[in-house]
PDB file of N, CA and C in Angstrom:
ATOM      1  N   MET A   1     128.152  64.526 110.379  1.00  0.00           N
ATOM      2  CA  MET A   1     128.534  64.870 111.744  1.00  0.00           C
ATOM      3  C   MET A   1     127.284  65.134 112.562  1.00  0.00           C
ATOM      4  N   ASP A   2     127.222  64.503 113.707  1.00  0.00           N
ATOM      5  CA  ASP A   2     126.034  64.633 114.538  1.00  0.00           C
ATOM      6  C   ASP A   2     126.278  65.505 115.759  1.00  0.00           C
ATOM      7  N   VAL A   3     125.264  66.297 116.087  1.00  0.00           N
ATOM      8  CA  VAL A   3     125.243  67.091 117.313  1.00  0.00           C
ATOM      9  C   VAL A   3     124.582  66.216 118.365  1.00  0.00           C
ATOM     10  N   SER A   4     125.216  66.077 119.520  1.00  0.00           N
ATOM     11  CA  SER A   4     124.676  65.254 120.600  1.00  0.00           C
ATOM     12  C   SER A   4     123.970  66.142 121.630  1.00  0.00           C
ATOM     13  N   VAL A   5     122.744  65.744 122.025  1.00  0.00           N
ATOM     14  CA  VAL A   5     121.994  66.463 123.049  1.00  0.00           C
ATOM     15  C   VAL A   5     121.538  65.456 124.101  1.00  0.00           C
ATOM     16  N   VAL A   6     121.943  65.680 125.363  1.00  0.00           N
ATOM     17  CA  VAL A   6     121.548  64.802 126.465  1.00  0.00           C
ATOM     18  C   VAL A   6     121.100  65.656 127.655  1.00  0.00           C
ATOM     19  N   LYS A   7     120.363  65.029 128.568  1.00  0.00           N
ATOM     20  CA  LYS A   7     119.920  65.691 129.808  1.00  0.00           C
ATOM     21  C   LYS A   7     120.750  65.126 130.962  1.00  0.00           C
ATOM     22  N   PRO A   8     121.800  65.836 131.361  1.00  0.00           N
ATOM     23  CA  PRO A   8     122.649  65.325 132.442  1.00  0.00           C
ATOM     24  C   PRO A   8     122.020  65.556 133.815  1.00  0.00           C
ATOM     25  N   ASP A   9     122.456  64.738 134.787  1.00  0.00           N
ATOM     26  CA  ASP A   9     122.019  64.998 136.158  1.00  0.00           C
ATOM     27  C   ASP A   9     123.084  65.850 136.855  1.00  0.00           C
ATOM     28  N   GLU A  10     122.798  66.281 138.069  1.00  0.00           N
ATOM     29  CA  GLU A  10     123.708  67.173 138.804  1.00  0.00           C
ATOM     30  C   GLU A  10     125.092  66.550 139.004  1.00  0.00           C
ATOM     31  N   LYS A  11     125.137  65.241 139.231  1.00  0.00           N
ATOM     32  CA  LYS A  11     126.424  64.559 139.439  1.00  0.00           C
ATOM     33  C   LYS A  11     127.278  64.643 138.182  1.00  0.00           C
ATOM     34  N   GLU A  12     126.676  64.392 137.021  1.00  0.00           N
ATOM     35  CA  GLU A  12     127.428  64.472 135.763  1.00  0.00           C
ATOM     36  C   GLU A  12     127.980  65.878 135.553  1.00  0.00           C
ATOM     37  N   LEU A  13     127.167  66.895 135.823  1.00  0.00           N
ATOM     38  CA  LEU A  13     127.611  68.283 135.662  1.00  0.00           C
ATOM     39  C   LEU A  13     128.774  68.588 136.597  1.00  0.00           C
ATOM     40  N   LYS A  14     128.656  68.128 137.850  1.00  0.00           N
ATOM     41  CA  LYS A  14     129.713  68.360 138.833  1.00  0.00           C
ATOM     42  C   LYS A  14     130.991  67.633 138.432  1.00  0.00           C
ATOM     43  N   ASP A  15     130.866  66.371 137.994  1.00  0.00           N
ATOM     44  CA  ASP A  15     132.030  65.578 137.590  1.00  0.00           C
ATOM     45  C   ASP A  15     132.783  66.227 136.427  1.00  0.00           C
ATOM     46  N   ARG A  16     132.062  66.892 135.538  1.00  0.00           N
ATOM     47  CA  ARG A  16     132.683  67.561 134.384  1.00  0.00           C
ATOM     48  C   ARG A  16     133.207  68.959 134.736  1.00  0.00           C
ATOM     49  N   GLY A  17     132.810  69.481 135.896  1.00  0.00           N
ATOM     50  CA  GLY A  17     133.240  70.822 136.295  1.00  0.00           C
ATOM     51  C   GLY A  17     132.536  71.931 135.525  1.00  0.00           C
ATOM     52  N   VAL A  18     131.334  71.662 135.052  1.00  0.00           N
ATOM     53  CA  VAL A  18     130.600  72.597 134.190  1.00  0.00           C
ATOM     54  C   VAL A  18     130.450  73.986 134.809  1.00  0.00           C
ATOM     55  N   ASN A  19     130.201  74.057 136.104  1.00  0.00           N
ATOM     56  CA  ASN A  19     129.969  75.367 136.735  1.00  0.00           C
ATOM     57  C   ASN A  19     131.198  76.273 136.723  1.00  0.00           C
ATOM     58  N   SER A  20     132.376  75.701 136.447  1.00  0.00           N
ATOM     59  CA  SER A  20     133.592  76.524 136.376  1.00  0.00           C
ATOM     60  C   SER A  20     133.892  76.980 134.940  1.00  0.00           C
ATOM     61  N   TRP A  21     133.115  76.492 133.966  1.00  0.00           N
ATOM     62  CA  TRP A  21     133.319  76.883 132.574  1.00  0.00           C
ATOM     63  C   TRP A  21     132.828  78.306 132.358  1.00  0.00           C
ATOM     64  N   PRO A  22     133.380  79.010 131.374  1.00  0.00           N
ATOM     65  CA  PRO A  22     132.892  80.367 131.070  1.00  0.00           C
ATOM     66  C   PRO A  22     131.442  80.337 130.598  1.00  0.00           C
ATOM     67  N   ILE A  23     130.803  81.498 130.643  1.00  0.00           N
ATOM     68  CA  ILE A  23     129.414  81.633 130.186  1.00  0.00           C
ATOM     69  C   ILE A  23     129.379  82.523 128.945  1.00  0.00           C
ATOM     70  N   TRP A  24     128.587  82.106 127.962  1.00  0.00           N
ATOM     71  CA  TRP A  24     128.359  82.869 126.738  1.00  0.00           C
ATOM     72  C   TRP A  24     126.869  83.132 126.643  1.00  0.00           C
ATOM     73  N   SER A  25     126.496  84.332 126.224  1.00  0.00           N
ATOM     74  CA  SER A  25     125.076  84.637 126.055  1.00  0.00           C
ATOM     75  C   SER A  25     124.875  85.427 124.770  1.00  0.00           C
ATOM     76  N   LYS A  26     123.678  85.292 124.199  1.00  0.00           N
ATOM     77  CA  LYS A  26     123.354  85.992 122.951  1.00  0.00           C
ATOM     78  C   LYS A  26     121.849  86.124 122.828  1.00  0.00           C
ATOM     79  N   GLU A  27     121.442  87.256 122.259  1.00  0.00           N
ATOM     80  CA  GLU A  27     120.028  87.535 122.036  1.00  0.00           C
ATOM     81  C   GLU A  27     119.510  86.695 120.861  1.00  0.00           C
ATOM     82  N   ALA A  28     118.189  86.700 120.686  1.00  0.00           N
ATOM     83  CA  ALA A  28     117.572  86.005 119.554  1.00  0.00           C
ATOM     84  C   ALA A  28     118.211  86.508 118.265  1.00  0.00           C
ATOM     85  N   SER A  29     118.656  85.568 117.422  1.00  0.00           N
ATOM     86  CA  SER A  29     119.354  85.934 116.195  1.00  0.00           C
ATOM     87  C   SER A  29     119.585  84.689 115.343  1.00  0.00           C
ATOM     88  N   LYS A  30     120.122  84.904 114.131  1.00  0.00           N
ATOM     89  CA  LYS A  30     120.496  83.810 113.230  1.00  0.00           C
ATOM     90  C   LYS A  30     121.909  84.071 112.743  1.00  0.00           C
ATOM     91  N   PHE A  31     122.734  83.007 112.661  1.00  0.00           N
ATOM     92  CA  PHE A  31     124.093  83.152 112.146  1.00  0.00           C
ATOM     93  C   PHE A  31     124.660  81.785 111.768  1.00  0.00           C
ATOM     94  N   ASP A  32     125.638  81.797 110.871  1.00  0.00           N
ATOM     95  CA  ASP A  32     126.347  80.576 110.483  1.00  0.00           C
ATOM     96  C   ASP A  32     127.546  80.408 111.406  1.00  0.00           C
ATOM     97  N   TRP A  33     127.939  79.136 111.646  1.00  0.00           N
ATOM     98  CA  TRP A  33     129.060  78.871 112.534  1.00  0.00           C
ATOM     99  C   TRP A  33     129.822  77.645 112.058  1.00  0.00           C
ATOM    100  N   PHE A  34     131.144  77.646 112.321  1.00  0.00           N
ATOM    101  CA  PHE A  34     132.001  76.497 112.035  1.00  0.00           C
ATOM    102  C   PHE A  34     132.804  76.183 113.293  1.00  0.00           C
ATOM    103  N   TYR A  35     132.878  74.908 113.654  1.00  0.00           N
ATOM    104  CA  TYR A  35     133.594  74.487 114.866  1.00  0.00           C
ATOM    105  C   TYR A  35     135.003  74.013 114.525  1.00  0.00           C
ATOM    106  N   ASP A  36     136.005  74.819 114.931  1.00  0.00           N
ATOM    107  CA  ASP A  36     137.410  74.456 114.751  1.00  0.00           C
ATOM    108  C   ASP A  36     137.830  73.378 115.746  1.00  0.00           C
ATOM    109  N   ASP A  37     137.115  73.294 116.856  1.00  0.00           N
ATOM    110  CA  ASP A  37     137.361  72.312 117.910  1.00  0.00           C
ATOM    111  C   ASP A  37     136.014  71.765 118.374  1.00  0.00           C
ATOM    112  N   THR A  38     136.046  70.656 119.092  1.00  0.00           N
ATOM    113  CA  THR A  38     134.827  70.112 119.686  1.00  0.00           C
ATOM    114  C   THR A  38     134.389  71.043 120.819  1.00  0.00           C
ATOM    115  N   GLU A  39     133.109  71.386 120.839  1.00  0.00           N
ATOM    116  CA  GLU A  39     132.575  72.211 121.926  1.00  0.00           C
ATOM    117  C   GLU A  39     131.535  71.422 122.701  1.00  0.00           C
ATOM    118  N   GLU A  40     131.656  71.486 124.034  1.00  0.00           N
ATOM    119  CA  GLU A  40     130.632  70.963 124.934  1.00  0.00           C
ATOM    120  C   GLU A  40     129.998  72.170 125.593  1.00  0.00           C
ATOM    121  N   CYS A  41     128.683  72.158 125.741  1.00  0.00           N
ATOM    122  CA  CYS A  41     128.047  73.268 126.439  1.00  0.00           C
ATOM    123  C   CYS A  41     126.821  72.793 127.202  1.00  0.00           C
ATOM    124  N   TYR A  42     126.507  73.522 128.253  1.00  0.00           N
ATOM    125  CA  TYR A  42     125.334  73.243 129.075  1.00  0.00           C
ATOM    126  C   TYR A  42     124.449  74.477 129.018  1.00  0.00           C
ATOM    127  N   ILE A  43     123.224  74.294 128.547  1.00  0.00           N
ATOM    128  CA  ILE A  43     122.308  75.413 128.326  1.00  0.00           C
ATOM    129  C   ILE A  43     121.623  75.819 129.637  1.00  0.00           C
ATOM    130  N   LEU A  44     121.850  77.064 130.040  1.00  0.00           N
ATOM    131  CA  LEU A  44     121.258  77.599 131.272  1.00  0.00           C
ATOM    132  C   LEU A  44     119.897  78.243 131.009  1.00  0.00           C
ATOM    133  N   GLU A  45     119.763  78.880 129.846  1.00  0.00           N
ATOM    134  CA  GLU A  45     118.515  79.558 129.459  1.00  0.00           C
ATOM    135  C   GLU A  45     118.423  79.560 127.948  1.00  0.00           C
ATOM    136  N   GLY A  46     117.190  79.634 127.456  1.00  0.00           N
ATOM    137  CA  GLY A  46     116.991  79.857 126.034  1.00  0.00           C
ATOM    138  C   GLY A  46     116.507  78.656 125.264  1.00  0.00           C
ATOM    139  N   LYS A  47     116.335  78.903 123.963  1.00  0.00           N
ATOM    140  CA  LYS A  47     115.868  77.883 123.036  1.00  0.00           C
ATOM    141  C   LYS A  47     116.580  78.115 121.708  1.00  0.00           C
ATOM    142  N   VAL A  48     117.178  77.041 121.158  1.00  0.00           N
ATOM    143  CA  VAL A  48     117.999  77.153 119.950  1.00  0.00           C
ATOM    144  C   VAL A  48     117.654  76.036 118.978  1.00  0.00           C
ATOM    145  N   GLU A  49     117.730  76.374 117.684  1.00  0.00           N
ATOM    146  CA  GLU A  49     117.633  75.368 116.633  1.00  0.00           C
ATOM    147  C   GLU A  49     118.888  75.494 115.780  1.00  0.00           C
ATOM    148  N   VAL A  50     119.557  74.372 115.559  1.00  0.00           N
ATOM    149  CA  VAL A  50     120.757  74.331 114.731  1.00  0.00           C
ATOM    150  C   VAL A  50     120.459  73.428 113.540  1.00  0.00           C
ATOM    151  N   VAL A  51     120.859  73.887 112.349  1.00  0.00           N
ATOM    152  CA  VAL A  51     120.722  73.076 111.145  1.00  0.00           C
ATOM    153  C   VAL A  51     122.121  72.853 110.585  1.00  0.00           C
ATOM    154  N   THR A  52     122.502  71.579 110.458  1.00  0.00           N
ATOM    155  CA  THR A  52     123.826  71.255 109.942  1.00  0.00           C
ATOM    156  C   THR A  52     123.849  71.415 108.422  1.00  0.00           C
ATOM    157  N   LYS A  53     125.052  71.459 107.867  1.00  0.00           N
ATOM    158  CA  LYS A  53     125.219  71.655 106.430  1.00  0.00           C
ATOM    159  C   LYS A  53     124.494  70.570 105.620  1.00  0.00           C
ATOM    160  N   ASP A  54     124.379  69.365 106.192  1.00  0.00           N
ATOM    161  CA  ASP A  54     123.690  68.283 105.488  1.00  0.00           C
ATOM    162  C   ASP A  54     122.185  68.244 105.782  1.00  0.00           C
ATOM    163  N   GLY A  55     121.669  69.305 106.423  1.00  0.00           N
ATOM    164  CA  GLY A  55     120.226  69.452 106.601  1.00  0.00           C
ATOM    165  C   GLY A  55     119.629  68.870 107.864  1.00  0.00           C
ATOM    166  N   LYS A  56     120.450  68.327 108.761  1.00  0.00           N
ATOM    167  CA  LYS A  56     119.912  67.789 110.022  1.00  0.00           C
ATOM    168  C   LYS A  56     119.561  68.939 110.955  1.00  0.00           C
ATOM    169  N   LYS A  57     118.351  68.871 111.517  1.00  0.00           N
ATOM    170  CA  LYS A  57     117.863  69.903 112.421  1.00  0.00           C
ATOM    171  C   LYS A  57     117.915  69.383 113.852  1.00  0.00           C
ATOM    172  N   VAL A  58     118.512  70.174 114.760  1.00  0.00           N
ATOM    173  CA  VAL A  58     118.628  69.795 116.166  1.00  0.00           C
ATOM    174  C   VAL A  58     118.119  70.963 117.015  1.00  0.00           C
ATOM    175  N   GLU A  59     117.198  70.659 117.937  1.00  0.00           N
ATOM    176  CA  GLU A  59     116.686  71.692 118.837  1.00  0.00           C
ATOM    177  C   GLU A  59     117.113  71.367 120.255  1.00  0.00           C
ATOM    178  N   PHE A  60     117.438  72.412 121.015  1.00  0.00           N
ATOM    179  CA  PHE A  60     117.822  72.215 122.409  1.00  0.00           C
ATOM    180  C   PHE A  60     117.521  73.476 123.202  1.00  0.00           C
ATOM    181  N   GLY A  61     117.519  73.318 124.529  1.00  0.00           N
ATOM    182  CA  GLY A  61     117.208  74.443 125.400  1.00  0.00           C
ATOM    183  C   GLY A  61     117.660  74.175 126.825  1.00  0.00           C
ATOM    184  N   LYS A  62     117.090  74.930 127.745  1.00  0.00           N
ATOM    185  CA  LYS A  62     117.469  74.878 129.153  1.00  0.00           C
ATOM    186  C   LYS A  62     117.560  73.441 129.662  1.00  0.00           C
ATOM    187  N   GLY A  63     118.711  73.141 130.304  1.00  0.00           N
ATOM    188  CA  GLY A  63     118.907  71.819 130.902  1.00  0.00           C
ATOM    189  C   GLY A  63     119.574  70.812 129.988  1.00  0.00           C
ATOM    190  N   ASP A  64     119.823  71.188 128.730  1.00  0.00           N
ATOM    191  CA  ASP A  64     120.461  70.259 127.792  1.00  0.00           C
ATOM    192  C   ASP A  64     121.979  70.423 127.795  1.00  0.00           C
ATOM    193  N   PHE A  65     122.677  69.293 127.645  1.00  0.00           N
ATOM    194  CA  PHE A  65     124.124  69.271 127.473  1.00  0.00           C
ATOM    195  C   PHE A  65     124.359  68.908 126.012  1.00  0.00           C
ATOM    196  N   VAL A  66     125.003  69.817 125.287  1.00  0.00           N
ATOM    197  CA  VAL A  66     125.138  69.674 123.837  1.00  0.00           C
ATOM    198  C   VAL A  66     126.616  69.561 123.465  1.00  0.00           C
ATOM    199  N   THR A  67     126.929  68.626 122.560  1.00  0.00           N
ATOM    200  CA  THR A  67     128.287  68.476 122.055  1.00  0.00           C
ATOM    201  C   THR A  67     128.277  68.689 120.547  1.00  0.00           C
ATOM    202  N   PHE A  68     129.114  69.643 120.096  1.00  0.00           N
ATOM    203  CA  PHE A  68     129.278  69.947 118.677  1.00  0.00           C
ATOM    204  C   PHE A  68     130.640  69.403 118.248  1.00  0.00           C
ATOM    205  N   PRO A  69     130.679  68.498 117.248  1.00  0.00           N
ATOM    206  CA  PRO A  69     131.955  67.906 116.845  1.00  0.00           C
ATOM    207  C   PRO A  69     132.847  68.874 116.067  1.00  0.00           C
ATOM    208  N   LYS A  70     134.144  68.690 116.213  1.00  0.00           N
ATOM    209  CA  LYS A  70     135.133  69.466 115.455  1.00  0.00           C
ATOM    210  C   LYS A  70     134.854  69.282 113.963  1.00  0.00           C
ATOM    211  N   GLY A  71     134.896  70.402 113.227  1.00  0.00           N
ATOM    212  CA  GLY A  71     134.691  70.356 111.785  1.00  0.00           C
ATOM    213  C   GLY A  71     133.248  70.562 111.347  1.00  0.00           C
ATOM    214  N   LEU A  72     132.333  70.717 112.309  1.00  0.00           N
ATOM    215  CA  LEU A  72     130.919  70.899 111.985  1.00  0.00           C
ATOM    216  C   LEU A  72     130.654  72.308 111.453  1.00  0.00           C
ATOM    217  N   ALA A  73     129.952  72.385 110.333  1.00  0.00           N
ATOM    218  CA  ALA A  73     129.463  73.661 109.798  1.00  0.00           C
ATOM    219  C   ALA A  73     127.950  73.651 109.983  1.00  0.00           C
ATOM    220  N   CYS A  74     127.403  74.741 110.528  1.00  0.00           N
ATOM    221  CA  CYS A  74     125.972  74.765 110.797  1.00  0.00           C
ATOM    222  C   CYS A  74     125.449  76.196 110.822  1.00  0.00           C
ATOM    223  N   SER A  75     124.135  76.276 110.948  1.00  0.00           N
ATOM    224  CA  SER A  75     123.456  77.559 111.061  1.00  0.00           C
ATOM    225  C   SER A  75     122.700  77.553 112.384  1.00  0.00           C
ATOM    226  N   TRP A  76     122.901  78.581 113.182  1.00  0.00           N
ATOM    227  CA  TRP A  76     122.213  78.725 114.468  1.00  0.00           C
ATOM    228  C   TRP A  76     121.016  79.650 114.311  1.00  0.00           C
ATOM    229  N   GLU A  77     119.897  79.278 114.928  1.00  0.00           N
ATOM    230  CA  GLU A  77     118.775  80.194 115.091  1.00  0.00           C
ATOM    231  C   GLU A  77     118.435  80.206 116.574  1.00  0.00           C
ATOM    232  N   ILE A  78     118.750  81.317 117.228  1.00  0.00           N
ATOM    233  CA  ILE A  78     118.438  81.462 118.646  1.00  0.00           C
ATOM    234  C   ILE A  78     117.017  82.012 118.722  1.00  0.00           C
ATOM    235  N   LYS A  79     116.092  81.178 119.181  1.00  0.00           N
ATOM    236  CA  LYS A  79     114.673  81.550 119.227  1.00  0.00           C
ATOM    237  C   LYS A  79     114.331  82.324 120.500  1.00  0.00           C
ATOM    238  N   GLU A  80     115.018  81.983 121.603  1.00  0.00           N
ATOM    239  CA  GLU A  80     114.888  82.703 122.870  1.00  0.00           C
ATOM    240  C   GLU A  80     116.307  82.925 123.385  1.00  0.00           C
ATOM    241  N   ALA A  81     116.605  84.143 123.837  1.00  0.00           N
ATOM    242  CA  ALA A  81     117.957  84.501 124.277  1.00  0.00           C
ATOM    243  C   ALA A  81     118.603  83.345 125.050  1.00  0.00           C
ATOM    244  N   VAL A  82     119.851  83.070 124.712  1.00  0.00           N
ATOM    245  CA  VAL A  82     120.535  81.905 125.274  1.00  0.00           C
ATOM    246  C   VAL A  82     121.674  82.323 126.210  1.00  0.00           C
ATOM    247  N   ARG A  83     121.855  81.520 127.277  1.00  0.00           N
ATOM    248  CA  ARG A  83     123.021  81.594 128.169  1.00  0.00           C
ATOM    249  C   ARG A  83     123.498  80.170 128.333  1.00  0.00           C
ATOM    250  N   LYS A  84     124.813  79.977 128.183  1.00  0.00           N
ATOM    251  CA  LYS A  84     125.359  78.616 128.298  1.00  0.00           C
ATOM    252  C   LYS A  84     126.759  78.641 128.903  1.00  0.00           C
ATOM    253  N   HIS A  85     127.073  77.565 129.634  1.00  0.00           N
ATOM    254  CA  HIS A  85     128.452  77.271 130.003  1.00  0.00           C
ATOM    255  C   HIS A  85     129.048  76.559 128.790  1.00  0.00           C
ATOM    256  N   TYR A  86     130.310  76.843 128.470  1.00  0.00           N
ATOM    257  CA  TYR A  86     130.913  76.173 127.313  1.00  0.00           C
ATOM    258  C   TYR A  86     132.366  75.798 127.588  1.00  0.00           C
ATOM    259  N   ASN A  87     132.822  74.778 126.833  1.00  0.00           N
ATOM    260  CA  ASN A  87     134.181  74.276 126.968  1.00  0.00           C
ATOM    261  C   ASN A  87     134.619  73.714 125.623  1.00  0.00           C
ATOM    262  N   PHE A  88     135.799  74.128 125.158  1.00  0.00           N
ATOM    263  CA  PHE A  88     136.346  73.585 123.921  1.00  0.00           C
ATOM    264  C   PHE A  88     137.383  72.522 124.242  1.00  0.00           C
ATOM    265  N   LYS A  89     137.361  71.428 123.465  1.00  0.00           N
ATOM    266  CA  LYS A  89     138.306  70.332 123.686  1.00  0.00           C
ATOM    267  C   LYS A  89     139.211  70.191 122.471  1.00  0.00           C
TER     268      LYS A  89
END
């Protein structure tokens, strides 16, 4: 399962309604996570490294649009406090 990271432009963000999505924030930390549903998120602040169960490492930060597929098991390492808009599908 792959984590997708792209740099959207303002039009793409507006078309998706990202600014109306809830915001989640967390301090620098490490934790395991499992996605029961597909999550899309837009990173407002911070720097994160995610390692999937099969060892793939993905880094993302401010300005990135990230999609986590349903069924993904991974480990999060928040290197700089993160704030993101998020949406579950």
